[in-house]
Amino acid sequence: MTKLPFMIPAMAAALAFSPAALAANSTAIDGAYLLRQSDERQRVLSIEQGGTVSQISDQQNTVGFTSGLGTWTKTGPGSARASIVDFNHPENAADGQGAAMIVYDLTFSKPVDGKYQKVTGYFTGQAYNAGQNPQSPDEPHVRSFGTRFEGTRILAE
């Protein structure tokens, strides 16, 4: 019975570092962010708690691509990587009339009430011809693109 008082601090330390406790003490990445790109364009990136991500852009109707869907994962405290697929419909077939793979590298900052309020980073993408698999490393892409961005969390009012 004299061992019980020594076990309590060890159990408390184990609980403090459990996945549930770490999740409760971490700042939330999930949410919707309005991104302003270095080329003056804008898009909305929506990061869902379950690991899915979606995007819409102000260029979709003028350049010719769809909204995109994909997945994301944390890469460190306050950072994440997202991979999104969308579909291209450009007038010029040389720009790729199939899918595109877009990869976002995201760094979050300015936590308020357990939620990050700011995000910065960059995305890169490759466009493919119709019928190509943008996830296959053997598929040659027809066009590359990318830019830097900064953004803010979209708040519910």
Protein backbone atom coordinates (compact mmCIF):
# COMPACT_ATOMS: atom_id res chain seq x y z
CA MET A 1 0.00 0.00 0.00
CA THR A 2 2.87 2.43 0.44
CA LYS A 3 3.45 2.38 -3.32
CA LEU A 4 0.11 4.08 -4.07
CA PRO A 5 1.23 7.70 -3.41
CA PHE A 6 4.18 7.21 -5.80
CA MET A 7 1.90 5.86 -8.54
CA ILE A 8 -0.42 8.89 -8.54
CA PRO A 9 2.17 11.36 -10.00
CA ALA A 10 3.16 8.79 -12.63
CA MET A 11 -0.47 8.24 -13.62
CA ALA A 12 -1.10 12.01 -13.74
CA ALA A 13 1.92 12.48 -16.02
CA ALA A 14 0.74 9.69 -18.33
CA LEU A 15 -2.72 11.23 -18.57
CA ALA A 16 -1.28 14.69 -19.27
CA PHE A 17 0.46 13.32 -22.37
CA SER A 18 -2.35 11.11 -23.62
CA PRO A 19 -3.70 11.80 -27.15
CA ALA A 20 -6.96 13.14 -25.71
CA ALA A 21 -5.14 15.55 -23.41
CA LEU A 22 -2.81 16.71 -26.18
CA ALA A 23 -5.78 17.29 -28.49
CA ALA A 24 -7.55 19.30 -25.80
CA ASN A 25 -4.46 21.51 -25.36
CA SER A 26 -3.70 22.01 -29.05
CA THR A 27 -4.86 24.89 -31.19
CA ALA A 28 -7.44 24.08 -33.86
CA ILE A 29 -6.39 24.23 -37.51
CA ASP A 30 -9.76 23.19 -38.92
CA GLY A 31 -12.01 25.92 -40.24
CA ALA A 32 -12.47 28.05 -43.37
CA TYR A 33 -9.85 30.60 -44.42
CA LEU A 34 -9.99 33.42 -46.96
CA LEU A 35 -6.66 33.35 -48.81
CA ARG A 36 -5.19 36.33 -50.65
CA GLN A 37 -2.60 35.18 -53.17
CA SER A 38 0.56 37.04 -54.15
CA ASP A 39 -0.98 37.49 -57.63
CA GLU A 40 -3.94 39.39 -56.10
CA ARG A 41 -6.38 36.47 -56.61
CA GLN A 42 -8.45 35.00 -53.76
CA ARG A 43 -9.71 31.59 -52.74
CA VAL A 44 -11.41 29.94 -49.80
CA LEU A 45 -9.80 26.89 -48.24
CA SER A 46 -12.02 24.82 -45.92
CA ILE A 47 -10.17 22.41 -43.62
CA GLU A 48 -12.41 19.83 -41.94
CA GLN A 49 -11.60 18.16 -38.63
CA GLY A 50 -11.91 14.66 -40.13
CA GLY A 51 -9.05 15.19 -42.58
CA THR A 52 -10.85 16.48 -45.70
CA VAL A 53 -10.24 19.83 -47.37
CA SER A 54 -11.99 21.77 -50.13
CA GLN A 55 -11.25 24.93 -52.09
CA ILE A 56 -13.01 27.44 -54.28
CA SER A 57 -11.34 30.25 -56.21
CA ASP A 58 -12.35 33.54 -57.78
CA GLN A 59 -10.59 32.35 -60.97
CA GLN A 60 -12.70 29.23 -61.56
CA ASN A 61 -15.06 30.80 -64.10
CA THR A 62 -12.44 32.85 -65.94
CA VAL A 63 -9.58 30.32 -66.12
CA GLY A 64 -11.70 27.18 -66.34
CA PHE A 65 -11.43 24.74 -63.45
CA THR A 66 -13.73 23.28 -60.82
CA SER A 67 -13.77 23.48 -57.03
CA GLY A 68 -11.35 21.00 -55.52
CA LEU A 69 -11.52 18.30 -52.85
CA GLY A 70 -8.80 16.42 -51.01
CA THR A 71 -7.18 15.57 -47.69
CA TRP A 72 -4.90 17.25 -45.16
CA THR A 73 -2.58 16.25 -42.33
CA LYS A 74 -0.65 18.08 -39.61
CA THR A 75 3.06 18.32 -40.33
CA GLY A 76 4.01 19.91 -37.01
CA PRO A 77 2.67 22.23 -34.35
CA GLY A 78 0.86 24.94 -36.28
CA SER A 79 1.57 23.53 -39.74
CA ALA A 80 -0.20 21.26 -42.21
CA ARG A 81 -0.05 19.96 -45.78
CA ALA A 82 -3.14 19.55 -47.97
CA SER A 83 -3.47 17.77 -51.32
CA ILE A 84 -6.42 18.69 -53.53
CA VAL A 85 -7.67 17.45 -56.92
CA ASP A 86 -9.74 19.62 -59.25
CA PHE A 87 -10.66 19.38 -62.95
CA ASN A 88 -9.49 21.71 -65.72
CA HIS A 89 -11.51 22.93 -68.69
CA PRO A 90 -9.19 25.43 -70.40
CA GLU A 91 -9.65 26.58 -73.98
CA ASN A 92 -6.08 25.57 -74.80
CA ALA A 93 -5.59 21.77 -74.64
CA ALA A 94 -1.86 22.33 -74.05
CA ASP A 95 -2.76 23.60 -70.55
CA GLY A 96 -4.29 20.21 -69.66
CA GLN A 97 -7.97 19.34 -69.90
CA GLY A 98 -7.98 16.72 -67.16
CA ALA A 99 -7.33 16.80 -63.45
CA ALA A 100 -4.89 18.93 -61.51
CA MET A 101 -3.12 18.08 -58.25
CA ILE A 102 -2.56 21.05 -55.91
CA VAL A 103 -0.42 20.78 -52.76
CA TYR A 104 -0.70 23.42 -50.03
CA ASP A 105 1.97 23.95 -47.38
CA LEU A 106 0.32 25.87 -44.54
CA THR A 107 1.67 27.66 -41.46
CA PHE A 108 -0.86 28.87 -38.90
CA SER A 109 -0.48 31.69 -36.34
CA LYS A 110 -2.29 34.06 -33.98
CA PRO A 111 -4.31 31.62 -31.86
CA VAL A 112 -7.41 33.06 -30.19
CA ASP A 113 -9.65 30.91 -27.98
CA GLY A 114 -7.95 27.72 -29.17
CA LYS A 115 -8.26 28.45 -32.91
CA TYR A 116 -5.64 29.78 -35.29
CA GLN A 117 -6.72 33.05 -36.92
CA LYS A 118 -4.00 33.52 -39.58
CA VAL A 119 -2.42 31.27 -42.20
CA THR A 120 0.47 31.79 -44.62
CA GLY A 121 2.13 29.50 -47.12
CA TYR A 122 2.25 28.51 -50.73
CA PHE A 123 0.69 26.04 -53.09
CA THR A 124 2.07 24.28 -56.12
CA GLY A 125 0.16 22.38 -58.73
CA GLN A 126 0.42 20.35 -61.88
CA ALA A 127 -2.25 20.07 -64.57
CA TYR A 128 -2.72 16.83 -66.52
CA ASN A 129 -4.42 15.77 -69.73
CA ALA A 130 -7.80 14.01 -69.67
CA GLY A 131 -7.51 10.39 -68.57
CA GLN A 132 -4.27 10.86 -66.64
CA ASN A 133 -4.02 10.06 -62.93
CA PRO A 134 -2.64 13.12 -61.09
CA GLN A 135 -1.61 10.90 -58.16
CA SER A 136 0.64 8.67 -60.25
CA PRO A 137 4.33 9.62 -60.14
CA ASP A 138 4.71 8.18 -63.67
CA GLU A 139 2.22 10.59 -65.28
CA PRO A 140 3.84 13.56 -67.04
CA HIS A 141 2.09 16.85 -66.29
CA VAL A 142 1.51 19.44 -69.01
CA ARG A 143 1.68 22.58 -66.88
CA SER A 144 2.91 23.68 -63.44
CA PHE A 145 1.66 26.59 -61.37
CA GLY A 146 1.81 27.96 -57.85
CA THR A 147 1.91 31.04 -55.66
CA ARG A 148 2.30 32.32 -52.10
CA PHE A 149 -0.66 33.41 -50.00
CA GLU A 150 -1.73 34.78 -46.65
CA GLY A 151 -5.14 34.40 -45.12
CA THR A 152 -7.51 34.82 -42.21
CA ARG A 153 -10.04 32.54 -40.59
CA ILE A 154 -13.61 33.22 -41.69
CA LEU A 155 -15.52 33.91 -38.48
CA ALA A 156 -19.14 33.11 -37.71
CA GLU A 157 -20.91 36.21 -36.50
